[in-house]
Protein backbone atom coordinates (compact mmCIF):
# COMPACT_ATOMS: atom_id res chain seq x y z
CA MET A 1 0.00 0.00 0.00
CA ILE A 2 1.29 3.43 -0.94
CA ALA A 3 -0.63 6.04 1.05
CA LEU A 4 -0.55 9.81 1.26
CA ILE A 5 -1.87 11.36 4.47
CA THR A 6 -2.59 15.07 4.11
CA GLY A 7 -4.35 17.73 6.16
CA GLY A 8 -3.82 20.89 8.12
CA VAL A 9 -1.26 21.54 10.83
CA LYS A 10 -1.88 19.43 13.95
CA SER A 11 -4.78 17.55 12.29
CA GLY A 12 -3.50 14.11 13.33
CA LYS A 13 -1.56 13.19 10.18
CA SER A 14 1.50 11.70 11.87
CA ALA A 15 -0.52 9.70 14.38
CA ARG A 16 -2.66 8.34 11.54
CA ALA A 17 0.43 7.36 9.54
CA LEU A 18 1.86 5.47 12.52
CA GLU A 19 -1.48 3.77 13.15
CA LEU A 20 -1.70 2.61 9.52
CA ALA A 21 1.91 1.42 9.52
CA ARG A 22 1.52 -0.54 12.75
CA ARG A 23 -1.63 -2.16 11.41
CA SER A 24 -0.44 -2.79 7.84
CA PHE A 25 3.34 -3.30 7.84
CA GLU A 26 5.04 -6.50 8.94
CA GLY A 27 8.68 -7.03 9.74
CA PRO A 28 11.08 -4.17 10.36
CA ARG A 29 9.35 -0.82 9.86
CA TYR A 30 11.25 2.31 8.93
CA PHE A 31 10.55 5.96 9.64
CA LEU A 32 12.15 8.64 7.48
CA ALA A 33 12.28 11.92 9.43
CA THR A 34 12.93 15.12 7.49
CA ALA A 35 12.81 17.54 10.44
CA GLU A 36 15.85 19.29 11.85
CA PRO A 37 16.04 20.37 15.50
CA VAL A 38 16.63 24.04 14.65
CA ASP A 39 15.06 25.50 17.80
CA ALA A 40 13.62 24.49 21.18
CA GLU A 41 10.07 24.10 19.89
CA MET A 42 11.19 21.83 17.04
CA ARG A 43 13.33 19.77 19.44
CA ARG A 44 10.22 19.22 21.61
CA ARG A 45 8.14 18.20 18.58
CA ILE A 46 10.81 15.77 17.40
CA ALA A 47 11.12 14.25 20.89
CA ARG A 48 7.34 13.83 21.11
CA HIS A 49 7.26 12.10 17.72
CA GLN A 50 10.16 9.83 18.72
CA GLU A 51 8.27 8.88 21.88
CA GLU A 52 5.11 8.12 19.85
CA ARG A 53 7.09 5.78 17.58
CA GLY A 54 8.88 4.05 20.42
CA ASP A 55 10.99 1.15 19.26
CA ALA A 56 8.44 0.02 16.66
CA PHE A 57 10.34 1.82 13.87
CA ILE A 58 13.93 2.14 12.71
CA THR A 59 14.48 5.88 12.26
CA ILE A 60 16.36 7.34 9.33
CA GLU A 61 17.05 11.07 9.46
CA GLU A 62 17.47 12.74 6.07
CA LYS A 63 16.60 16.36 5.39
CA LEU A 64 17.34 16.54 1.64
CA ASP A 65 17.99 13.33 -0.30
CA ILE A 66 14.80 11.50 0.61
CA ASP A 67 14.92 9.53 -2.66
CA LYS A 68 18.17 7.83 -1.65
CA ALA A 69 17.09 7.38 1.97
CA ILE A 70 14.18 5.09 1.03
CA ALA A 71 15.84 3.29 -1.88
CA ASP A 72 16.79 0.14 0.03
CA VAL A 73 14.47 0.02 3.03
CA GLY A 74 11.39 -2.03 3.78
CA PRO A 75 8.04 -0.61 4.85
CA VAL A 76 8.48 3.10 5.56
CA VAL A 77 6.65 6.13 6.91
CA VAL A 78 7.96 9.41 5.47
CA ASP A 79 7.25 12.42 7.70
CA CYS A 80 7.10 14.96 6.19
CA ILE A 81 7.14 16.43 2.68
CA PRO A 82 6.57 20.07 3.77
CA LEU A 83 9.77 20.08 5.84
CA TRP A 84 11.66 18.45 2.98
CA VAL A 85 10.54 21.27 0.62
CA ASN A 86 11.49 23.80 3.30
CA ASN A 87 14.92 22.19 3.63
CA LEU A 88 15.54 22.27 -0.12
CA LEU A 89 14.82 26.00 -0.15
CA HIS A 90 16.84 26.66 3.00
CA TYR A 91 19.90 24.76 1.75
CA GLN A 92 19.55 26.28 -1.73
CA ARG A 93 18.92 22.91 -3.41
CA GLU A 94 15.72 23.91 -5.22
CA GLU A 95 17.26 22.97 -8.56
CA ASP A 96 17.21 19.35 -7.31
CA PHE A 97 13.48 19.41 -6.44
CA THR A 98 12.12 17.63 -9.53
CA ALA A 99 14.90 15.05 -9.76
CA ILE A 100 14.68 14.13 -6.06
CA LEU A 101 10.87 14.08 -6.09
CA ASP A 102 10.67 11.89 -9.20
CA ALA A 103 13.32 9.49 -7.85
CA PHE A 104 11.54 9.42 -4.46
CA ILE A 105 8.28 8.41 -6.15
CA TRP A 106 10.12 5.81 -8.22
CA ASN A 107 11.76 4.40 -5.05
CA MET A 108 8.55 4.19 -3.00
CA ASN A 109 8.01 0.51 -2.35
CA ARG A 110 4.60 -1.10 -2.03
CA ASP A 111 4.59 -0.32 1.70
CA CYS A 112 5.06 3.43 1.99
CA ILE A 113 3.06 6.05 3.89
CA VAL A 114 3.86 9.69 3.18
CA VAL A 115 2.79 12.59 5.40
CA THR A 116 2.23 16.06 3.97
CA ASN A 117 0.34 19.28 4.64
CA GLU A 118 -2.53 20.57 2.58
CA THR A 119 -1.72 24.23 2.07
CA GLY A 120 -4.15 24.88 -0.75
CA LEU A 121 -7.19 25.50 1.44
CA GLY A 122 -6.05 28.86 2.83
CA ASN A 123 -5.46 32.31 1.47
CA ILE A 124 -2.84 33.38 -1.04
CA PRO A 125 0.25 34.46 0.93
CA PHE A 126 1.40 38.07 0.67
CA ASP A 127 5.09 37.30 0.15
CA GLU A 128 6.64 35.72 -2.93
CA THR A 129 8.77 33.22 -0.97
CA THR A 130 5.76 31.65 0.74
CA ARG A 131 3.79 31.55 -2.49
CA HIS A 132 6.71 29.79 -4.17
CA TYR A 133 6.99 27.30 -1.30
CA ASN A 134 3.27 26.53 -1.62
CA ILE A 135 3.63 25.94 -5.38
CA LEU A 136 6.46 23.45 -4.82
CA LEU A 137 4.61 21.66 -2.03
CA ALA A 138 1.43 21.47 -4.12
CA GLU A 139 3.40 19.93 -7.01
CA ALA A 140 4.95 17.34 -4.68
CA ASN A 141 1.54 16.55 -3.19
CA ARG A 142 -0.07 16.10 -6.63
CA LYS A 143 2.68 13.81 -7.91
CA ILE A 144 2.76 11.66 -4.77
CA ALA A 145 -1.06 11.47 -4.66
CA ALA A 146 -1.13 10.32 -8.29
CA ALA A 147 1.29 7.49 -7.44
CA ALA A 148 -0.53 6.52 -4.24
CA ASP A 149 -3.08 3.76 -3.89
CA ARG A 150 -4.70 5.60 -1.01
CA VAL A 151 -5.06 9.28 -0.08
CA GLU A 152 -6.60 10.47 3.17
CA LEU A 153 -7.39 14.00 4.32
CA MET A 154 -7.21 14.46 8.09
CA VAL A 155 -9.80 16.82 9.55
CA SER A 156 -9.75 17.33 13.32
CA GLY A 157 -8.23 13.88 13.85
CA ILE A 158 -10.70 12.13 11.55
CA PRO A 159 -9.45 10.53 8.32
CA LEU A 160 -11.53 11.19 5.23
CA LYS A 161 -10.98 8.92 2.24
CA VAL A 162 -10.03 10.91 -0.88
CA LYS A 163 -8.70 8.06 -3.01
């Protein structure tokens, strides 16, 4: 099963991805984390997510080359695409966006759950940088959703079947 879990911030996406993985994946499970502990709040979020996973997952930390990180692993949860896009922009690797994204989709095995944010339901941002970020994230979301067998939208902790 290739699944894309999308929704707003704090809508329950990560918890849903872990629930699906625990229920659906056998054998060693992997978790690809794209977050960097850049400040105290992010360190707390990362620690909370690590605690939620416990020892049920083998964690791989990769902020940029997510295509290579999943190339040779078994069942995997990828959390999350928005931070990966952010990292590409921050580390000035935007020129690699399409190549990494296409290779990532190619490397997704039959047991892959991807977490993303749905940014297209809000207003149009005032600044060009945020608008550009949203365009890249929307492209990633569309391509991953097209490759997925299952797409769910999380609304207030409730999964809604999209595909």
